[in-house]
């Protein structure tokens, strides 16, 4: 092994590549970005390293002498590691994207894929644009979170909303926001939903968080309606909430309390959540639609019964999953999927939102294909109230 640093307070980036020059170049770039860089040449060395410590980012060559990097994916999943993975290879884009989809199917996180010879600026951008990994000390603090701490956080107002704009791709006008839950824990920094939402679902706290987010988001929407009364607010619904038959009444009360018309609220549900308990979901979603609330299929295209769900349930919107959006210009399969989704939506009279838009080229292509609305870091990341208000006023430029 070369370049393995014994630094536990920095995030770690592991390069797995049989080319020594490539290992050195990527390692040096990682160190300049604030990582503790490690580099190995073989699958055996990579597995040994992963058994001994956590890794935050792995830059993985798909071809390692007479072996392939795919073999390492199974070890990463089996060892229950959770790194961001960047695939690099001299193989064509289709093979790289297939590897990425396999990693996702194994429950791993993929930041992107790159061709060899590497363009370091692209690698830098992919790692820099990905959710910033946490230093080991921060991870250890998060591991100590308990349901009691989360319950106290709900009571004391530590669970708050950020707002990501949804933008008309045709004229770049803000048409609404998606409310995203964050936990602002003292001494913990900002804790993302991937950390605390599963805990809330396991310990019966998710309904309280849902009510908190809905109340906060709709109260803010009421304020923003003085600027633009047509704005919508999207809020995610947990699969657990689709088992609560009193949910339509509770949402109706929150809408009334905040003086928001039901048509201005869009509830986002994943296809998997719907199909887990179809009867209960059909009951709740149909009653919400009767009340005028919008229902959106989130992460569309990643499930297994998408068409069946659309035909049987009262959805009015679907969101194209960001994995297809990001591959739109490079992956022929992603292009075909996006075209098919747009065609299906048009035939059924459904509104379409593309999420995960990060470049102007992707936004332009989606516009050409007929996509109406988009959201993503090209326009704005999730924003606090002040920044979101400034964005709405046009004081923060829209790309």
Foldseek 3Di string as FASTA:
>chain_A
DPQQDPDQQWAEEEEEAQDPVVLVVVQVVQVVVGHRYHYDQDLVVVLVVVLVDAHAEYEYEQDRPPHGRLVNLVSCLVSVHAHAYEYEYQDAPQVQLVSVVVSVVSVYHYLYYYYPPDDVVVVVCSQVVPPDDHRNVLVVVLVPDDPVNVVVQLVVVQWDWFWFFKAFLVPRATQATETAIWGCDVVNGIHHCVSCVVVCLVPVNNVSSQLVRLLRQLLLVLVCVVVPVRYAYEYEDDLSVLQDLCVLVSSVVSCVVNVHQQQRYEYEYEPVSCVVDVVSNQNNQVSSVVSNHAYEHECPPPDDCRVVCPVRHPHQEYEHHLSLLVCCVRHPVSVVVLLVVVVVCVVVNHAYEYEADDDPVSSVVCVVSPHTIYTHPQAHDGHDSVVVVCVNVCVDPGD
